[in-house]
Amino acid sequence: MRIAIAADELVGVARVLGAELERRGHTVSEHGALNAAERPDWAWAAAAAAQDVLAGRADQAIVACWTGTGAAIAANKLSGIRAALCTDAQTTSGARKWNDANVLALSLRTTSEPLLAEILDAWFSTAPSDDPDDRDNIAHLTQLEAG
């Protein structure tokens, strides 16, 4: 799978995220502080990774900042992006299953390497729900984006 990643600083799991994804067999494109040619600030970095998803250059994205909140907010400003700030495997599974999240947001402050592994395991092993009510909710999000 092609994964766009972004971080606003090179701390915590930002230093190992790309290598961990490649170890899992994914192709990684880097943004923000992970790419010397780009602006590292969270709003720009997260938006660049989310834009890769919308443009078809990436299948999914993972964005990170100190709390994860700003990165999630920035990514969610792009129509068609459903970014979820996930702090544990259970929340991550729910974000994929019920919300069909296509961008994972992480906190560089609270996500340890062992927790990152658990979150990524849940992210990549959980498929979006086929339940009609769940699909209706995702369709309603699309309607809300259209105004």
C-alpha atoms as a PDB file:
ATOM      1  CA  MET A   1       0.000   0.000   0.000  1.00  0.00           C
ATOM      2  CA  ARG A   2       1.160   3.576  -0.661  1.00  0.00           C
ATOM      3  CA  ILE A   3       1.181   5.638   2.538  1.00  0.00           C
ATOM      4  CA  ALA A   4       1.839   9.381   2.764  1.00  0.00           C
ATOM      5  CA  ILE A   5       3.270  10.399   6.117  1.00  0.00           C
ATOM      6  CA  ALA A   6       3.753  13.804   7.698  1.00  0.00           C
ATOM      7  CA  ALA A   7       5.133  15.217  10.915  1.00  0.00           C
ATOM      8  CA  ASP A   8       5.861  18.748  12.016  1.00  0.00           C
ATOM      9  CA  GLU A   9       8.998  17.834  13.928  1.00  0.00           C
ATOM     10  CA  LEU A  10      11.463  14.969  14.114  1.00  0.00           C
ATOM     11  CA  VAL A  11      10.685  13.712  17.607  1.00  0.00           C
ATOM     12  CA  GLY A  12       9.201  10.535  19.041  1.00  0.00           C
ATOM     13  CA  VAL A  13       7.685   8.113  16.564  1.00  0.00           C
ATOM     14  CA  ALA A  14       8.184  10.557  13.678  1.00  0.00           C
ATOM     15  CA  ARG A  15      11.768   9.254  13.543  1.00  0.00           C
ATOM     16  CA  VAL A  16      10.718   5.612  13.074  1.00  0.00           C
ATOM     17  CA  LEU A  17       7.329   5.772  11.344  1.00  0.00           C
ATOM     18  CA  GLY A  18       8.591   5.583   7.751  1.00  0.00           C
ATOM     19  CA  ALA A  19      10.967   2.697   8.464  1.00  0.00           C
ATOM     20  CA  GLU A  20       8.243   0.800  10.332  1.00  0.00           C
ATOM     21  CA  LEU A  21       5.827   1.182   7.427  1.00  0.00           C
ATOM     22  CA  GLU A  22       8.461   0.072   4.920  1.00  0.00           C
ATOM     23  CA  ARG A  23       9.269  -2.922   7.144  1.00  0.00           C
ATOM     24  CA  ARG A  24       5.580  -3.824   6.839  1.00  0.00           C
ATOM     25  CA  GLY A  25       5.840  -3.706   3.040  1.00  0.00           C
ATOM     26  CA  HIS A  26       4.351  -0.272   2.354  1.00  0.00           C
ATOM     27  CA  THR A  27       5.691   2.423   0.029  1.00  0.00           C
ATOM     28  CA  VAL A  28       6.124   5.723   1.876  1.00  0.00           C
ATOM     29  CA  SER A  29       6.087   9.349   0.734  1.00  0.00           C
ATOM     30  CA  GLU A  30       7.210  11.916   3.302  1.00  0.00           C
ATOM     31  CA  HIS A  31       6.001  15.433   4.082  1.00  0.00           C
ATOM     32  CA  GLY A  32       6.689  18.243   6.503  1.00  0.00           C
ATOM     33  CA  ALA A  33       9.729  17.827   8.741  1.00  0.00           C
ATOM     34  CA  LEU A  34      10.329  14.437   7.084  1.00  0.00           C
ATOM     35  CA  ASN A  35      11.021  16.170   3.743  1.00  0.00           C
ATOM     36  CA  ALA A  36      13.653  18.917   3.718  1.00  0.00           C
ATOM     37  CA  ALA A  37      12.059  20.531   0.655  1.00  0.00           C
ATOM     38  CA  GLU A  38       8.738  21.213   2.420  1.00  0.00           C
ATOM     39  CA  ARG A  39       7.419  23.520   5.106  1.00  0.00           C
ATOM     40  CA  PRO A  40       7.378  21.524   8.361  1.00  0.00           C
ATOM     41  CA  ASP A  41       4.494  23.258  10.138  1.00  0.00           C
ATOM     42  CA  TRP A  42       1.640  20.926  11.106  1.00  0.00           C
ATOM     43  CA  ALA A  43      -1.058  22.579   8.982  1.00  0.00           C
ATOM     44  CA  TRP A  44       1.044  22.427   5.810  1.00  0.00           C
ATOM     45  CA  ALA A  45       2.524  18.981   6.481  1.00  0.00           C
ATOM     46  CA  ALA A  46      -0.777  17.257   7.287  1.00  0.00           C
ATOM     47  CA  ALA A  47      -2.536  18.891   4.345  1.00  0.00           C
ATOM     48  CA  ALA A  48       0.218  17.739   1.964  1.00  0.00           C
ATOM     49  CA  ALA A  49      -0.138  14.115   3.093  1.00  0.00           C
ATOM     50  CA  ALA A  50      -3.940  14.251   2.880  1.00  0.00           C
ATOM     51  CA  GLN A  51      -3.685  15.806  -0.582  1.00  0.00           C
ATOM     52  CA  ASP A  52      -1.659  12.762  -1.678  1.00  0.00           C
ATOM     53  CA  VAL A  53      -4.656  10.586  -0.748  1.00  0.00           C
ATOM     54  CA  LEU A  54      -7.110  12.775  -2.656  1.00  0.00           C
ATOM     55  CA  ALA A  55      -4.849  12.914  -5.720  1.00  0.00           C
ATOM     56  CA  GLY A  56      -4.398   9.133  -5.761  1.00  0.00           C
ATOM     57  CA  ARG A  57      -0.666   9.314  -5.023  1.00  0.00           C
ATOM     58  CA  ALA A  58      -1.292   7.502  -1.721  1.00  0.00           C
ATOM     59  CA  ASP A  59      -3.911   5.026  -0.562  1.00  0.00           C
ATOM     60  CA  GLN A  60      -3.901   6.356   2.995  1.00  0.00           C
ATOM     61  CA  ALA A  61      -1.983   8.851   5.114  1.00  0.00           C
ATOM     62  CA  ILE A  62      -0.582   9.075   8.609  1.00  0.00           C
ATOM     63  CA  VAL A  63      -0.111  12.567  10.035  1.00  0.00           C
ATOM     64  CA  ALA A  64       1.450  13.590  13.322  1.00  0.00           C
ATOM     65  CA  CYS A  65       2.089  16.634  15.464  1.00  0.00           C
ATOM     66  CA  TRP A  66       2.759  17.135  19.183  1.00  0.00           C
ATOM     67  CA  THR A  67      -0.864  16.416  20.220  1.00  0.00           C
ATOM     68  CA  GLY A  68      -2.114  14.975  16.933  1.00  0.00           C
ATOM     69  CA  THR A  69      -5.084  17.323  17.109  1.00  0.00           C
ATOM     70  CA  GLY A  70      -3.761  19.994  14.761  1.00  0.00           C
ATOM     71  CA  ALA A  71      -2.669  17.423  12.190  1.00  0.00           C
ATOM     72  CA  ALA A  72      -6.139  15.827  12.285  1.00  0.00           C
ATOM     73  CA  ILE A  73      -7.875  19.192  11.955  1.00  0.00           C
ATOM     74  CA  ALA A  74      -5.690  20.241   9.019  1.00  0.00           C
ATOM     75  CA  ALA A  75      -6.207  16.955   7.164  1.00  0.00           C
ATOM     76  CA  ASN A  76      -9.962  17.080   7.748  1.00  0.00           C
ATOM     77  CA  LYS A  77     -10.186  20.479   6.030  1.00  0.00           C
ATOM     78  CA  LEU A  78      -9.796  18.665   2.708  1.00  0.00           C
ATOM     79  CA  SER A  79     -13.069  17.372   1.289  1.00  0.00           C
ATOM     80  CA  GLY A  80     -13.021  13.574   1.162  1.00  0.00           C
ATOM     81  CA  ILE A  81     -10.598  13.116   4.033  1.00  0.00           C
ATOM     82  CA  ARG A  82     -11.691  11.376   7.203  1.00  0.00           C
ATOM     83  CA  ALA A  83      -8.785  11.784   9.619  1.00  0.00           C
ATOM     84  CA  ALA A  84      -9.028  10.191  13.051  1.00  0.00           C
ATOM     85  CA  LEU A  85      -6.797  10.964  16.022  1.00  0.00           C
ATOM     86  CA  CYS A  86      -6.095   7.549  17.503  1.00  0.00           C
ATOM     87  CA  THR A  87      -4.410   6.922  20.839  1.00  0.00           C
ATOM     88  CA  ASP A  88      -4.895   3.165  21.167  1.00  0.00           C
ATOM     89  CA  ALA A  89      -5.636   0.069  19.089  1.00  0.00           C
ATOM     90  CA  GLN A  90      -9.335  -0.089  20.016  1.00  0.00           C
ATOM     91  CA  THR A  91      -9.990   3.484  18.909  1.00  0.00           C
ATOM     92  CA  THR A  92      -8.023   2.821  15.741  1.00  0.00           C
ATOM     93  CA  SER A  93     -10.112  -0.242  14.877  1.00  0.00           C
ATOM     94  CA  GLY A  94     -13.297   1.751  15.416  1.00  0.00           C
ATOM     95  CA  ALA A  95     -12.045   4.605  13.246  1.00  0.00           C
ATOM     96  CA  ARG A  96     -11.385   2.216  10.372  1.00  0.00           C
ATOM     97  CA  LYS A  97     -14.514   0.079  10.859  1.00  0.00           C
ATOM     98  CA  TRP A  98     -17.242   2.629  11.593  1.00  0.00           C
ATOM     99  CA  ASN A  99     -15.762   5.857  10.224  1.00  0.00           C
ATOM    100  CA  ASP A 100     -13.893   4.491   7.187  1.00  0.00           C
ATOM    101  CA  ALA A 101     -10.991   6.742   8.234  1.00  0.00           C
ATOM    102  CA  ASN A 102      -8.450   7.207   5.448  1.00  0.00           C
ATOM    103  CA  VAL A 103      -5.982   9.286   7.479  1.00  0.00           C
ATOM    104  CA  LEU A 104      -4.552   8.241  10.838  1.00  0.00           C
ATOM    105  CA  ALA A 105      -3.505  11.094  13.129  1.00  0.00           C
ATOM    106  CA  LEU A 106      -0.988  10.460  15.904  1.00  0.00           C
ATOM    107  CA  SER A 107       0.362  12.392  18.872  1.00  0.00           C
ATOM    108  CA  LEU A 108       4.146  12.645  18.879  1.00  0.00           C
ATOM    109  CA  ARG A 109       3.950  13.314  22.626  1.00  0.00           C
ATOM    110  CA  THR A 110       1.987  10.242  23.718  1.00  0.00           C
ATOM    111  CA  THR A 111       2.605   7.557  21.082  1.00  0.00           C
ATOM    112  CA  SER A 112       5.443   5.247  22.109  1.00  0.00           C
ATOM    113  CA  GLU A 113       7.029   2.813  19.667  1.00  0.00           C
ATOM    114  CA  PRO A 114       5.228  -0.217  21.181  1.00  0.00           C
ATOM    115  CA  LEU A 115       1.921   1.677  21.054  1.00  0.00           C
ATOM    116  CA  LEU A 116       2.649   2.703  17.453  1.00  0.00           C
ATOM    117  CA  ALA A 117       3.019  -0.968  16.529  1.00  0.00           C
ATOM    118  CA  GLU A 118      -0.350  -1.788  18.135  1.00  0.00           C
ATOM    119  CA  ILE A 119      -2.064   1.156  16.425  1.00  0.00           C
ATOM    120  CA  LEU A 120      -0.616   0.228  13.020  1.00  0.00           C
ATOM    121  CA  ASP A 121      -1.625  -3.424  13.517  1.00  0.00           C
ATOM    122  CA  ALA A 122      -5.203  -2.303  14.174  1.00  0.00           C
ATOM    123  CA  TRP A 123      -5.197   0.238  11.322  1.00  0.00           C
ATOM    124  CA  PHE A 124      -4.041  -2.220   8.673  1.00  0.00           C
ATOM    125  CA  SER A 125      -6.047  -5.220   9.899  1.00  0.00           C
ATOM    126  CA  THR A 126      -9.439  -3.501  10.142  1.00  0.00           C
ATOM    127  CA  ALA A 127     -11.611  -2.988   7.076  1.00  0.00           C
ATOM    128  CA  PRO A 128     -14.437  -0.483   6.776  1.00  0.00           C
ATOM    129  CA  SER A 129     -17.831  -1.857   7.730  1.00  0.00           C
ATOM    130  CA  ASP A 130     -20.283  -3.000   5.070  1.00  0.00           C
ATOM    131  CA  ASP A 131     -23.232  -2.480   7.427  1.00  0.00           C
ATOM    132  CA  PRO A 132     -25.842  -0.287   5.664  1.00  0.00           C
ATOM    133  CA  ASP A 133     -26.146   2.079   8.645  1.00  0.00           C
ATOM    134  CA  ASP A 134     -22.387   2.584   8.760  1.00  0.00           C
ATOM    135  CA  ARG A 135     -22.249   3.211   5.003  1.00  0.00           C
ATOM    136  CA  ASP A 136     -25.163   5.673   5.343  1.00  0.00           C
ATOM    137  CA  ASN A 137     -23.152   7.636   7.902  1.00  0.00           C
ATOM    138  CA  ILE A 138     -20.168   7.874   5.553  1.00  0.00           C
ATOM    139  CA  ALA A 139     -22.460   8.911   2.695  1.00  0.00           C
ATOM    140  CA  HIS A 140     -23.949  11.595   4.952  1.00  0.00           C
ATOM    141  CA  LEU A 141     -20.445  12.978   5.604  1.00  0.00           C
ATOM    142  CA  THR A 142     -20.015  13.330   1.845  1.00  0.00           C
ATOM    143  CA  GLN A 143     -23.322  15.199   1.658  1.00  0.00           C
ATOM    144  CA  LEU A 144     -22.242  17.509   4.484  1.00  0.00           C
ATOM    145  CA  GLU A 145     -18.995  18.307   2.648  1.00  0.00           C
ATOM    146  CA  ALA A 146     -20.959  19.254  -0.457  1.00  0.00           C
ATOM    147  CA  GLY A 147     -22.885  21.818   1.562  1.00  0.00           C
END
